Structures are given as C-alpha cells and as structure tokens.
N, C-alpha and C. Protein backbone atom coordinates (compact mmCIF):
# COMPACT_ATOMS: atom_id res chain seq x y z
N MET A 1 -12.25 2.48 2.61
CA MET A 1 -12.54 4.04 2.59
C MET A 1 -11.84 4.60 1.65
N ALA A 2 -10.79 4.12 1.26
CA ALA A 2 -9.73 4.73 0.17
C ALA A 2 -10.58 4.53 -1.26
N LEU A 3 -11.20 3.44 -1.31
CA LEU A 3 -11.96 3.18 -2.58
C LEU A 3 -13.18 4.09 -2.83
N ASN A 4 -13.78 4.44 -1.67
CA ASN A 4 -14.88 5.36 -1.83
C ASN A 4 -14.34 6.76 -1.98
N ILE A 5 -13.27 7.22 -1.40
CA ILE A 5 -12.66 8.47 -1.60
C ILE A 5 -12.46 8.55 -3.28
N LEU A 6 -11.67 7.64 -3.83
CA LEU A 6 -11.23 7.63 -5.15
C LEU A 6 -12.38 7.60 -6.00
N LEU A 7 -13.35 6.83 -5.72
CA LEU A 7 -14.85 6.87 -6.60
C LEU A 7 -15.26 8.31 -6.56
N ASP A 8 -15.39 8.80 -5.39
CA ASP A 8 -15.88 10.05 -5.29
C ASP A 8 -15.15 11.30 -5.95
N ARG A 9 -13.90 11.08 -6.04
CA ARG A 9 -13.10 12.02 -6.70
C ARG A 9 -13.10 11.95 -8.25
N PHE A 10 -12.98 10.89 -8.63
CA PHE A 10 -12.83 10.50 -10.17
C PHE A 10 -14.06 11.20 -10.84
N PRO A 11 -15.20 10.79 -10.61
CA PRO A 11 -16.28 11.45 -11.24
C PRO A 11 -16.47 12.79 -11.17
N ASN A 12 -16.21 13.43 -9.83
CA ASN A 12 -16.11 14.79 -9.64
C ASN A 12 -15.16 15.59 -10.59
N LEU A 13 -14.07 15.04 -10.79
CA LEU A 13 -12.90 15.58 -11.58
C LEU A 13 -13.63 15.60 -13.04
N ARG A 14 -14.39 14.48 -13.45
CA ARG A 14 -14.75 14.54 -15.04
C ARG A 14 -15.98 15.37 -15.12
N SER A 15 -16.85 15.39 -13.93
CA SER A 15 -18.10 16.10 -14.09
C SER A 15 -18.03 17.67 -13.82
N ASP A 16 -17.20 18.01 -12.86
CA ASP A 16 -16.89 19.46 -12.76
C ASP A 16 -15.41 19.73 -12.75
N PRO A 17 -15.19 20.61 -13.69
CA PRO A 17 -13.89 21.12 -14.02
C PRO A 17 -13.28 21.86 -12.94
N ASP A 18 -14.26 22.38 -11.99
CA ASP A 18 -13.91 23.21 -11.00
C ASP A 18 -13.60 22.40 -9.62
N ARG A 19 -13.46 21.00 -9.67
CA ARG A 19 -13.13 20.10 -8.67
C ARG A 19 -11.66 19.81 -8.51
N PRO A 20 -11.17 19.76 -9.76
CA PRO A 20 -9.55 19.51 -9.58
C PRO A 20 -8.79 20.19 -8.61
N PRO A 21 -8.89 21.59 -8.34
CA PRO A 21 -8.30 22.23 -7.37
C PRO A 21 -8.35 21.60 -5.91
N ARG A 22 -9.75 21.06 -5.55
CA ARG A 22 -9.84 20.34 -4.41
C ARG A 22 -9.27 19.04 -4.40
N PHE A 23 -9.02 18.38 -5.53
CA PHE A 23 -8.51 17.08 -5.66
C PHE A 23 -6.85 17.12 -5.51
N LEU A 24 -6.34 18.07 -5.92
CA LEU A 24 -4.90 18.30 -5.60
C LEU A 24 -4.41 18.17 -4.23
N PRO A 25 -5.08 19.24 -3.42
CA PRO A 25 -4.57 19.32 -2.11
C PRO A 25 -5.00 17.97 -1.24
N SER A 26 -5.98 17.38 -1.81
CA SER A 26 -6.37 15.93 -1.08
C SER A 26 -5.33 14.91 -1.23
N LEU A 27 -4.67 14.90 -2.49
CA LEU A 27 -3.38 13.97 -2.68
C LEU A 27 -2.45 14.43 -1.61
N SER A 28 -2.14 15.64 -1.43
CA SER A 28 -1.03 15.84 -0.37
C SER A 28 -1.43 15.44 1.07
N MET A 29 -2.61 15.73 1.27
CA MET A 29 -3.10 15.30 2.62
C MET A 29 -2.88 13.79 2.96
N THR A 30 -3.38 12.95 1.92
CA THR A 30 -3.18 11.49 2.11
C THR A 30 -1.79 11.00 1.78
N GLY A 31 -1.09 11.73 1.02
CA GLY A 31 0.24 11.29 0.76
C GLY A 31 0.45 10.15 -0.40
N VAL A 32 1.37 9.29 0.04
CA VAL A 32 1.54 8.28 -0.93
C VAL A 32 0.62 6.91 -1.03
N ARG A 33 -0.38 7.24 -0.01
CA ARG A 33 -1.39 6.13 0.19
C ARG A 33 -2.28 5.79 -0.85
N GLU A 34 -2.68 6.89 -1.58
CA GLU A 34 -3.67 6.85 -2.74
C GLU A 34 -2.78 6.95 -4.17
N LEU A 35 -1.60 7.36 -3.95
CA LEU A 35 -0.77 7.40 -5.23
C LEU A 35 -0.82 6.00 -5.98
N PRO A 36 -0.42 5.03 -5.31
CA PRO A 36 -0.52 3.78 -5.97
C PRO A 36 -1.94 3.20 -6.58
N LEU A 37 -2.85 3.61 -5.68
CA LEU A 37 -4.19 3.18 -6.12
C LEU A 37 -4.50 4.08 -7.38
N LEU A 38 -4.27 5.22 -7.45
CA LEU A 38 -4.51 6.12 -8.89
C LEU A 38 -4.02 5.50 -9.92
N PHE A 39 -2.72 4.97 -9.75
CA PHE A 39 -2.14 4.33 -11.02
C PHE A 39 -2.41 2.81 -10.95
C-alpha cells in the first residue's frame, strides 16, 4: 500500500504544482514510515 501511495504522490507532485500542499500534510500523517521510502 505504501508503494501505491508513493507512486500516486510522486506523479501528482510533478504533474500538478498545486498538489504539494496536500503531499506535505500526508507525510505528517504517515510519520517516519514513508520517510525512508522517499529517500
């Protein structure tokens, strides 16, 4: 599920510049679970 979320967020961030705001709060909600995956 984490991979799906990441794949959904990455293209959205690059496609729509208005998506980042939504991506930031998502990181806070998930915590450090996706941080290592992002890097």
